[in-house]
C-alpha cells in the first residue's frame, strides 16, 4: 500500500479537523493544537505561504487521506526543524504508514528544504509514539522530567533527533 505525502490544501481542512478531534489522537497532542476549522485553515494557509519554514502535510494511502504531520523552524541559522503533529487516522493504524511517512518527511526536510537537524518531543506516556520514533531512525537524546502540565498532572517528555548524516 503506497504512502505519499503532500502539502495540505484548504479542502483538507475538514479531514484534518476530524483527525485532530479523534479521542485516540487528541490525548497525545499539545494544548496549542488547532481545534477549530478556522485555526486549521490558518495553518494550511501559512504552510502554503511559508513553505520553507512551516508545514502541514497530509499522509495519503492509495490516494486516500490517512493522516497528517507537520514541522516548523526551531532554529533558522542552524537549520533545525521541529517536527510535530504526526497522527494517523484510527482506520489506517497497524499498517506502519507513520513509519514510511516519517522517512519520506525526513528526506523532504533534509534533502529538499535543506535542514540539518530534525527534532521532536513526545509525551513519555505515549509509548507507541516513542517506539515509532525509534523505528523511523530518530535517536533518543533525553527525557525532560515533569516538563508539561497535561490533564492536571505534570508529565515527562522524551526528546528525539535525527541529523542529516543519519539518513545515509
N, C-alpha and C. Protein backbone atom coordinates (compact mmCIF):
# COMPACT_ATOMS: atom_id res chain seq x y z
N UNK A 1 0.85 -1.16 0.00
CA UNK A 1 0.00 0.00 0.00
C UNK A 1 0.90 1.23 0.00
N UNK A 2 1.02 1.92 -1.14
CA UNK A 2 1.93 3.07 -1.23
C UNK A 2 1.50 4.24 -0.36
N UNK A 3 2.49 4.87 0.24
CA UNK A 3 2.26 6.04 1.08
C UNK A 3 2.87 7.24 0.37
N UNK A 4 2.13 8.33 0.35
CA UNK A 4 2.62 9.57 -0.24
C UNK A 4 2.35 10.72 0.72
N UNK A 5 3.17 11.75 0.60
CA UNK A 5 2.99 12.98 1.37
C UNK A 5 2.71 14.11 0.40
N UNK A 6 1.84 14.99 0.82
CA UNK A 6 1.61 16.20 0.05
C UNK A 6 1.26 17.32 1.02
N UNK A 7 1.59 18.53 0.62
CA UNK A 7 1.27 19.68 1.45
C UNK A 7 -0.25 19.83 1.51
N UNK A 8 -0.77 20.09 2.70
CA UNK A 8 -2.21 20.25 2.89
C UNK A 8 -2.72 21.47 2.12
N UNK A 9 -3.96 21.36 1.66
CA UNK A 9 -4.64 22.45 0.95
C UNK A 9 -5.96 22.73 1.66
N UNK A 10 -6.57 23.88 1.40
CA UNK A 10 -7.82 24.21 2.11
C UNK A 10 -8.90 23.11 2.07
N UNK A 11 -9.09 22.37 0.97
CA UNK A 11 -10.11 21.31 1.00
C UNK A 11 -9.81 20.18 2.01
N UNK A 12 -8.56 20.12 2.53
CA UNK A 12 -8.20 19.10 3.52
C UNK A 12 -8.61 19.48 4.94
N UNK A 13 -9.08 20.70 5.14
CA UNK A 13 -9.35 21.20 6.49
C UNK A 13 -10.31 20.30 7.27
N UNK A 14 -11.37 19.84 6.64
CA UNK A 14 -12.34 19.02 7.38
C UNK A 14 -11.74 17.69 7.81
N UNK A 15 -10.96 17.05 6.92
CA UNK A 15 -10.30 15.80 7.30
C UNK A 15 -9.34 16.04 8.46
N UNK A 16 -8.51 17.09 8.38
CA UNK A 16 -7.54 17.36 9.43
C UNK A 16 -8.23 17.68 10.75
N UNK A 17 -9.30 18.44 10.70
CA UNK A 17 -10.03 18.77 11.93
C UNK A 17 -10.63 17.50 12.54
N UNK A 18 -11.19 16.64 11.71
CA UNK A 18 -11.74 15.37 12.21
C UNK A 18 -10.64 14.54 12.87
N UNK A 19 -9.49 14.45 12.21
CA UNK A 19 -8.37 13.67 12.73
C UNK A 19 -7.89 14.24 14.06
N UNK A 20 -7.70 15.54 14.13
CA UNK A 20 -7.22 16.17 15.37
C UNK A 20 -8.24 16.04 16.50
N UNK A 21 -9.50 15.85 16.17
CA UNK A 21 -10.54 15.71 17.18
C UNK A 21 -10.76 14.29 17.67
N UNK A 22 -10.16 13.30 17.00
CA UNK A 22 -10.30 11.90 17.40
C UNK A 22 -9.75 11.72 18.82
N UNK A 23 -10.52 11.05 19.69
CA UNK A 23 -10.07 10.83 21.07
C UNK A 23 -8.71 10.14 21.12
N UNK A 24 -8.50 9.16 20.23
CA UNK A 24 -7.24 8.42 20.23
C UNK A 24 -6.06 9.26 19.76
N UNK A 25 -6.34 10.40 19.16
CA UNK A 25 -5.29 11.30 18.68
C UNK A 25 -5.12 12.47 19.65
N UNK A 26 -6.21 13.11 20.00
CA UNK A 26 -6.20 14.35 20.79
C UNK A 26 -5.45 14.21 22.11
N UNK A 27 -5.57 13.05 22.75
CA UNK A 27 -4.95 12.87 24.07
C UNK A 27 -3.43 12.98 24.03
N UNK A 28 -2.85 12.82 22.83
CA UNK A 28 -1.40 12.86 22.72
C UNK A 28 -0.87 14.18 22.14
N UNK A 29 -1.76 15.09 21.83
CA UNK A 29 -1.36 16.36 21.24
C UNK A 29 -1.23 17.45 22.29
N UNK A 30 -0.42 18.43 21.99
CA UNK A 30 -0.21 19.54 22.92
C UNK A 30 -1.39 20.50 22.93
N UNK A 31 -1.39 21.40 23.91
CA UNK A 31 -2.53 22.32 24.09
C UNK A 31 -2.67 23.37 22.99
N UNK A 32 -1.62 23.61 22.21
CA UNK A 32 -1.71 24.63 21.15
C UNK A 32 -2.14 24.05 19.81
N UNK A 33 -2.55 22.80 19.79
CA UNK A 33 -3.00 22.18 18.55
C UNK A 33 -4.28 22.84 18.07
N UNK A 34 -4.35 23.08 16.77
CA UNK A 34 -5.55 23.69 16.18
C UNK A 34 -6.79 22.90 16.59
N UNK A 35 -7.83 23.62 17.00
CA UNK A 35 -9.04 22.96 17.49
C UNK A 35 -10.30 23.37 16.73
N UNK A 36 -10.17 24.36 15.85
CA UNK A 36 -11.33 24.80 15.08
C UNK A 36 -10.99 24.77 13.59
N UNK A 37 -12.01 24.79 12.76
CA UNK A 37 -11.79 24.79 11.32
C UNK A 37 -11.00 26.02 10.90
N UNK A 38 -11.30 27.18 11.47
CA UNK A 38 -10.56 28.40 11.14
C UNK A 38 -9.09 28.29 11.51
N UNK A 39 -8.79 27.68 12.66
CA UNK A 39 -7.39 27.50 13.05
C UNK A 39 -6.66 26.55 12.10
N UNK A 40 -7.34 25.48 11.71
CA UNK A 40 -6.74 24.54 10.76
C UNK A 40 -6.49 25.24 9.43
N UNK A 41 -7.47 26.00 8.95
CA UNK A 41 -7.30 26.74 7.69
C UNK A 41 -6.16 27.75 7.78
N UNK A 42 -6.02 28.42 8.92
CA UNK A 42 -4.90 29.36 9.11
C UNK A 42 -3.57 28.63 8.97
N UNK A 43 -3.47 27.45 9.57
CA UNK A 43 -2.23 26.69 9.48
C UNK A 43 -1.95 26.25 8.04
N UNK A 44 -2.99 25.82 7.34
CA UNK A 44 -2.83 25.41 5.94
C UNK A 44 -2.35 26.59 5.11
N UNK A 45 -2.98 27.74 5.28
CA UNK A 45 -2.57 28.94 4.52
C UNK A 45 -1.13 29.32 4.84
N UNK A 46 -0.77 29.23 6.11
CA UNK A 46 0.62 29.54 6.50
C UNK A 46 1.58 28.55 5.86
N UNK A 47 1.21 27.29 5.84
CA UNK A 47 2.04 26.25 5.23
C UNK A 47 2.27 26.53 3.75
N UNK A 48 1.24 26.98 3.07
CA UNK A 48 1.37 27.29 1.65
C UNK A 48 2.20 28.56 1.42
N UNK A 49 2.06 29.52 2.31
CA UNK A 49 2.76 30.80 2.15
C UNK A 49 4.22 30.75 2.62
N UNK A 50 4.49 29.92 3.63
CA UNK A 50 5.83 29.85 4.22
C UNK A 50 6.39 28.43 4.09
N UNK A 51 6.39 27.92 2.88
CA UNK A 51 6.71 26.51 2.63
C UNK A 51 8.07 26.06 3.16
N UNK A 52 9.03 26.94 3.23
CA UNK A 52 10.35 26.56 3.70
C UNK A 52 10.53 26.59 5.20
N UNK A 53 9.54 27.15 5.91
CA UNK A 53 9.72 27.29 7.35
C UNK A 53 8.56 26.75 8.19
N UNK A 54 7.48 26.36 7.55
CA UNK A 54 6.31 25.86 8.28
C UNK A 54 5.55 24.92 7.35
N UNK A 55 5.08 23.82 7.89
CA UNK A 55 4.37 22.91 7.01
C UNK A 55 3.32 22.07 7.69
N UNK A 56 2.24 21.87 6.98
CA UNK A 56 1.21 20.91 7.35
C UNK A 56 1.03 20.00 6.13
N UNK A 57 1.22 18.72 6.35
CA UNK A 57 1.18 17.75 5.26
C UNK A 57 0.13 16.68 5.53
N UNK A 58 -0.41 16.15 4.44
CA UNK A 58 -1.37 15.06 4.51
C UNK A 58 -0.64 13.79 4.10
N UNK A 59 -0.83 12.74 4.88
CA UNK A 59 -0.34 11.40 4.53
C UNK A 59 -1.45 10.73 3.75
N UNK A 60 -1.13 10.23 2.57
CA UNK A 60 -2.12 9.51 1.77
C UNK A 60 -1.72 8.06 1.60
N UNK A 61 -2.71 7.20 1.62
CA UNK A 61 -2.52 5.78 1.35
C UNK A 61 -3.46 5.41 0.22
N UNK A 62 -2.90 4.99 -0.89
CA UNK A 62 -3.69 4.69 -2.08
C UNK A 62 -4.61 5.85 -2.46
N UNK A 63 -4.08 7.07 -2.36
CA UNK A 63 -4.82 8.25 -2.76
C UNK A 63 -5.85 8.74 -1.77
N UNK A 64 -5.97 8.09 -0.63
CA UNK A 64 -6.96 8.48 0.38
C UNK A 64 -6.26 9.12 1.58
N UNK A 65 -6.76 10.24 2.09
CA UNK A 65 -6.14 10.85 3.28
C UNK A 65 -6.15 9.87 4.45
N UNK A 66 -4.96 9.67 5.04
CA UNK A 66 -4.82 8.70 6.12
C UNK A 66 -4.24 9.31 7.39
N UNK A 67 -3.63 10.49 7.28
CA UNK A 67 -3.01 11.08 8.45
C UNK A 67 -2.41 12.43 8.12
N UNK A 68 -1.63 12.92 9.06
CA UNK A 68 -1.02 14.23 8.89
C UNK A 68 0.30 14.29 9.64
N UNK A 69 1.10 15.27 9.30
CA UNK A 69 2.29 15.61 10.06
C UNK A 69 2.68 17.03 9.73
N UNK A 70 3.54 17.60 10.56
CA UNK A 70 3.90 18.99 10.35
C UNK A 70 5.29 19.30 10.88
N UNK A 71 5.73 20.53 10.60
CA UNK A 71 7.01 21.00 11.10
C UNK A 71 6.99 22.53 11.18
N UNK A 72 7.93 23.05 11.93
CA UNK A 72 8.22 24.48 11.90
C UNK A 72 9.71 24.64 12.17
N UNK A 73 10.25 25.79 11.78
CA UNK A 73 11.66 26.06 12.03
C UNK A 73 11.85 26.32 13.52
N UNK A 74 12.78 25.58 14.10
CA UNK A 74 13.12 25.80 15.50
C UNK A 74 14.33 26.74 15.62
N UNK A 75 15.23 26.66 14.64
CA UNK A 75 16.42 27.49 14.64
C UNK A 75 16.86 27.67 13.19
N UNK A 76 16.62 28.85 12.66
CA UNK A 76 16.90 29.09 11.24
C UNK A 76 18.39 29.06 10.94
N UNK A 77 19.19 29.72 11.75
CA UNK A 77 20.63 29.81 11.50
C UNK A 77 21.28 28.43 11.47
N UNK A 78 20.85 27.54 12.35
CA UNK A 78 21.44 26.21 12.43
C UNK A 78 20.64 25.14 11.68
N UNK A 79 19.63 25.58 10.92
CA UNK A 79 18.84 24.69 10.07
C UNK A 79 18.22 23.53 10.86
N UNK A 80 17.53 23.88 11.94
CA UNK A 80 16.86 22.88 12.78
C UNK A 80 15.35 23.01 12.61
N UNK A 81 14.72 21.90 12.29
CA UNK A 81 13.26 21.85 12.17
C UNK A 81 12.70 21.04 13.33
N UNK A 82 11.57 21.49 13.82
CA UNK A 82 10.86 20.80 14.90
C UNK A 82 9.66 20.09 14.28
N UNK A 83 9.61 18.78 14.39
CA UNK A 83 8.50 18.00 13.84
C UNK A 83 7.38 17.93 14.86
N UNK A 84 6.15 17.87 14.33
CA UNK A 84 5.00 17.89 15.23
C UNK A 84 3.78 17.28 14.55
N UNK A 85 2.84 16.91 15.38
CA UNK A 85 1.50 16.52 14.96
C UNK A 85 1.43 15.31 14.03
N UNK A 86 2.30 14.37 14.20
CA UNK A 86 2.12 13.13 13.43
C UNK A 86 0.90 12.42 13.99
N UNK A 87 -0.05 12.16 13.11
CA UNK A 87 -1.26 11.45 13.53
C UNK A 87 -1.77 10.65 12.35
N UNK A 88 -2.15 9.42 12.63
CA UNK A 88 -2.73 8.54 11.61
C UNK A 88 -4.16 8.24 12.05
N UNK A 89 -5.07 8.36 11.11
CA UNK A 89 -6.48 8.10 11.41
C UNK A 89 -6.63 6.66 11.92
N UNK A 90 -7.45 6.44 12.94
CA UNK A 90 -7.59 5.10 13.52
C UNK A 90 -7.89 3.99 12.50
N UNK A 91 -8.61 4.29 11.44
CA UNK A 91 -8.92 3.22 10.48
C UNK A 91 -7.72 2.80 9.64
N UNK A 92 -6.60 3.54 9.74
CA UNK A 92 -5.38 3.20 8.99
C UNK A 92 -4.27 2.69 9.89
N UNK A 93 -4.53 2.56 11.17
CA UNK A 93 -3.48 2.14 12.10
C UNK A 93 -3.10 0.67 11.91
N UNK A 94 -1.89 0.35 12.36
CA UNK A 94 -1.42 -1.03 12.31
C UNK A 94 -0.78 -1.40 10.98
N UNK A 95 -0.63 -0.44 10.07
CA UNK A 95 -0.06 -0.73 8.75
C UNK A 95 1.32 -0.11 8.59
N UNK A 96 1.82 0.50 9.64
CA UNK A 96 3.12 1.17 9.64
C UNK A 96 3.20 2.33 8.64
N UNK A 97 2.06 2.95 8.36
CA UNK A 97 2.04 4.11 7.47
C UNK A 97 2.86 5.25 8.08
N UNK A 98 2.79 5.41 9.38
CA UNK A 98 3.52 6.50 10.04
C UNK A 98 5.03 6.34 9.87
N UNK A 99 5.51 5.10 9.91
CA UNK A 99 6.95 4.86 9.75
C UNK A 99 7.39 5.29 8.35
N UNK A 100 6.66 4.86 7.36
CA UNK A 100 7.02 5.20 5.98
C UNK A 100 6.87 6.70 5.74
N UNK A 101 5.80 7.28 6.25
CA UNK A 101 5.58 8.73 6.10
C UNK A 101 6.70 9.51 6.78
N UNK A 102 7.13 9.07 7.95
CA UNK A 102 8.20 9.77 8.67
C UNK A 102 9.49 9.75 7.86
N UNK A 103 9.80 8.63 7.24
CA UNK A 103 11.03 8.54 6.43
C UNK A 103 10.94 9.45 5.21
N UNK A 104 9.77 9.48 4.56
CA UNK A 104 9.59 10.39 3.43
C UNK A 104 9.73 11.84 3.89
N UNK A 105 9.17 12.15 5.03
CA UNK A 105 9.22 13.50 5.58
C UNK A 105 10.65 13.91 5.92
N UNK A 106 11.40 12.99 6.53
CA UNK A 106 12.79 13.26 6.86
C UNK A 106 13.57 13.64 5.60
N UNK A 107 13.41 12.86 4.56
CA UNK A 107 14.13 13.12 3.30
C UNK A 107 13.70 14.46 2.69
N UNK A 108 12.41 14.75 2.73
CA UNK A 108 11.93 16.03 2.20
C UNK A 108 12.57 17.19 2.95
N UNK A 109 12.56 17.12 4.27
CA UNK A 109 13.07 18.22 5.08
C UNK A 109 14.58 18.39 4.93
N UNK A 110 15.30 17.29 4.88
CA UNK A 110 16.76 17.36 4.78
C UNK A 110 17.22 17.62 3.34
N UNK A 111 16.73 16.82 2.41
CA UNK A 111 17.24 16.89 1.04
C UNK A 111 16.62 18.02 0.21
N UNK A 112 15.35 18.30 0.42
CA UNK A 112 14.70 19.33 -0.40
C UNK A 112 14.66 20.70 0.27
N UNK A 113 14.44 20.72 1.59
CA UNK A 113 14.36 22.02 2.28
C UNK A 113 15.67 22.41 2.96
N UNK A 114 16.64 21.49 3.00
CA UNK A 114 17.97 21.83 3.50
C UNK A 114 18.16 21.88 4.99
N UNK A 115 17.30 21.23 5.76
CA UNK A 115 17.50 21.20 7.21
C UNK A 115 18.62 20.23 7.55
N UNK A 116 19.34 20.55 8.61
CA UNK A 116 20.45 19.72 9.07
C UNK A 116 20.03 18.79 10.21
N UNK A 117 19.13 19.28 11.05
CA UNK A 117 18.71 18.54 12.25
C UNK A 117 17.20 18.59 12.37
N UNK A 118 16.61 17.44 12.67
CA UNK A 118 15.17 17.33 12.87
C UNK A 118 14.94 16.91 14.32
N UNK A 119 14.10 17.63 15.02
CA UNK A 119 13.83 17.32 16.43
C UNK A 119 12.36 17.05 16.63
N UNK A 120 12.07 16.24 17.62
CA UNK A 120 10.69 16.04 18.04
C UNK A 120 10.66 15.70 19.51
N UNK A 121 9.53 15.96 20.12
CA UNK A 121 9.35 15.72 21.54
C UNK A 121 8.01 15.04 21.73
N UNK A 122 8.02 13.99 22.55
CA UNK A 122 6.84 13.15 22.73
C UNK A 122 6.53 13.04 24.22
N UNK A 123 5.26 13.12 24.58
CA UNK A 123 4.90 12.82 25.97
C UNK A 123 5.41 11.41 26.28
N UNK A 124 6.09 11.25 27.42
CA UNK A 124 6.69 9.96 27.77
C UNK A 124 5.66 8.85 27.91
N UNK A 125 4.42 9.20 28.26
CA UNK A 125 3.40 8.16 28.41
C UNK A 125 2.93 7.62 27.06
N UNK A 126 3.31 8.26 25.97
CA UNK A 126 2.91 7.82 24.63
C UNK A 126 3.94 6.82 24.11
N UNK A 127 3.90 5.63 24.66
CA UNK A 127 4.89 4.60 24.34
C UNK A 127 4.86 4.21 22.87
N UNK A 128 3.68 4.19 22.27
CA UNK A 128 3.56 3.83 20.86
C UNK A 128 4.31 4.84 19.98
N UNK A 129 4.19 6.12 20.30
CA UNK A 129 4.89 7.15 19.52
C UNK A 129 6.40 7.07 19.74
N UNK A 130 6.83 6.76 20.94
CA UNK A 130 8.27 6.61 21.21
C UNK A 130 8.83 5.45 20.40
N UNK A 131 8.12 4.34 20.36
CA UNK A 131 8.58 3.19 19.57
C UNK A 131 8.62 3.55 18.09
N UNK A 132 7.62 4.29 17.63
CA UNK A 132 7.61 4.73 16.22
C UNK A 132 8.84 5.59 15.92
N UNK A 133 9.14 6.56 16.78
CA UNK A 133 10.28 7.46 16.54
C UNK A 133 11.56 6.66 16.37
N UNK A 134 11.75 5.66 17.20
CA UNK A 134 12.97 4.86 17.11
C UNK A 134 12.98 3.99 15.86
N UNK A 135 11.83 3.43 15.48
CA UNK A 135 11.76 2.65 14.23
C UNK A 135 12.06 3.53 13.02
N UNK A 136 11.66 4.80 13.09
CA UNK A 136 11.83 5.71 11.96
C UNK A 136 13.24 6.31 11.91
N UNK A 137 14.11 5.93 12.85
CA UNK A 137 15.50 6.36 12.79
C UNK A 137 15.89 7.52 13.68
N UNK A 138 14.95 8.03 14.49
CA UNK A 138 15.30 9.11 15.40
C UNK A 138 16.08 8.55 16.58
N UNK A 139 17.00 9.35 17.10
CA UNK A 139 17.83 8.96 18.24
C UNK A 139 17.27 9.63 19.49
N UNK A 140 17.08 8.82 20.50
CA UNK A 140 16.58 9.34 21.78
C UNK A 140 17.71 10.11 22.45
N UNK A 141 17.47 11.39 22.72
CA UNK A 141 18.52 12.23 23.29
C UNK A 141 18.32 12.51 24.76
N UNK A 142 17.12 12.32 25.27
CA UNK A 142 16.94 12.56 26.69
C UNK A 142 15.48 12.63 27.10
N UNK A 143 15.32 12.82 28.39
CA UNK A 143 13.99 12.89 28.99
C UNK A 143 13.91 14.21 29.75
N UNK A 144 12.83 14.92 29.55
CA UNK A 144 12.58 16.15 30.30
C UNK A 144 11.57 15.79 31.40
N UNK A 145 12.05 15.82 32.63
CA UNK A 145 11.21 15.39 33.75
C UNK A 145 10.16 16.44 34.09
N UNK A 146 8.92 15.96 34.25
CA UNK A 146 7.80 16.82 34.65
C UNK A 146 7.82 18.15 33.90
N UNK A 147 7.92 18.04 32.60
CA UNK A 147 8.10 19.22 31.74
C UNK A 147 6.80 19.91 31.37
N UNK A 148 5.71 19.16 31.33
CA UNK A 148 4.45 19.73 30.84
C UNK A 148 3.28 19.36 31.74
N UNK A 149 2.34 20.27 31.80
CA UNK A 149 1.11 20.03 32.55
C UNK A 149 0.08 19.46 31.58
N UNK A 150 -0.37 18.25 31.83
CA UNK A 150 -1.32 17.56 30.95
C UNK A 150 -2.42 16.98 31.83
N UNK A 151 -3.64 17.41 31.57
CA UNK A 151 -4.80 16.92 32.32
C UNK A 151 -4.61 17.05 33.83
N UNK A 152 -4.04 18.18 34.25
CA UNK A 152 -3.89 18.47 35.67
C UNK A 152 -2.70 17.81 36.34
N UNK A 153 -1.86 17.12 35.56
CA UNK A 153 -0.70 16.45 36.15
C UNK A 153 0.55 16.86 35.38
N UNK A 154 1.69 16.84 36.09
CA UNK A 154 2.96 17.07 35.43
C UNK A 154 3.41 15.78 34.78
N UNK A 155 3.82 15.88 33.52
CA UNK A 155 4.27 14.68 32.80
C UNK A 155 5.64 14.91 32.17
N UNK A 156 6.35 13.82 32.00
CA UNK A 156 7.66 13.85 31.35
C UNK A 156 7.49 13.86 29.84
N UNK A 157 8.54 14.28 29.16
CA UNK A 157 8.58 14.14 27.71
C UNK A 157 9.91 13.51 27.32
N UNK A 158 9.95 12.95 26.12
CA UNK A 158 11.16 12.34 25.60
C UNK A 158 11.55 13.11 24.35
N UNK A 159 12.83 13.47 24.25
CA UNK A 159 13.34 14.26 23.14
C UNK A 159 14.10 13.34 22.18
N UNK A 160 13.79 13.48 20.90
CA UNK A 160 14.43 12.70 19.84
C UNK A 160 14.98 13.65 18.78
N UNK A 161 16.00 13.19 18.07
CA UNK A 161 16.53 13.99 16.95
C UNK A 161 17.12 13.07 15.90
N UNK A 162 17.27 13.65 14.73
CA UNK A 162 17.91 12.98 13.61
C UNK A 162 18.71 14.06 12.90
N UNK A 163 19.95 13.77 12.55
CA UNK A 163 20.77 14.72 11.79
C UNK A 163 20.93 14.20 10.38
N UNK A 164 21.27 15.09 9.48
CA UNK A 164 21.34 14.75 8.05
C UNK A 164 22.18 13.49 7.80
N UNK A 165 23.28 13.35 8.51
CA UNK A 165 24.16 12.18 8.32
C UNK A 165 23.48 10.87 8.69
N UNK A 166 22.46 10.92 9.52
CA UNK A 166 21.75 9.71 9.91
C UNK A 166 20.97 9.10 8.75
N UNK A 167 20.70 9.89 7.73
CA UNK A 167 19.90 9.38 6.59
C UNK A 167 20.71 8.52 5.62
N UNK A 168 22.06 8.60 5.71
CA UNK A 168 22.85 7.84 4.75
C UNK A 168 22.97 6.37 5.13
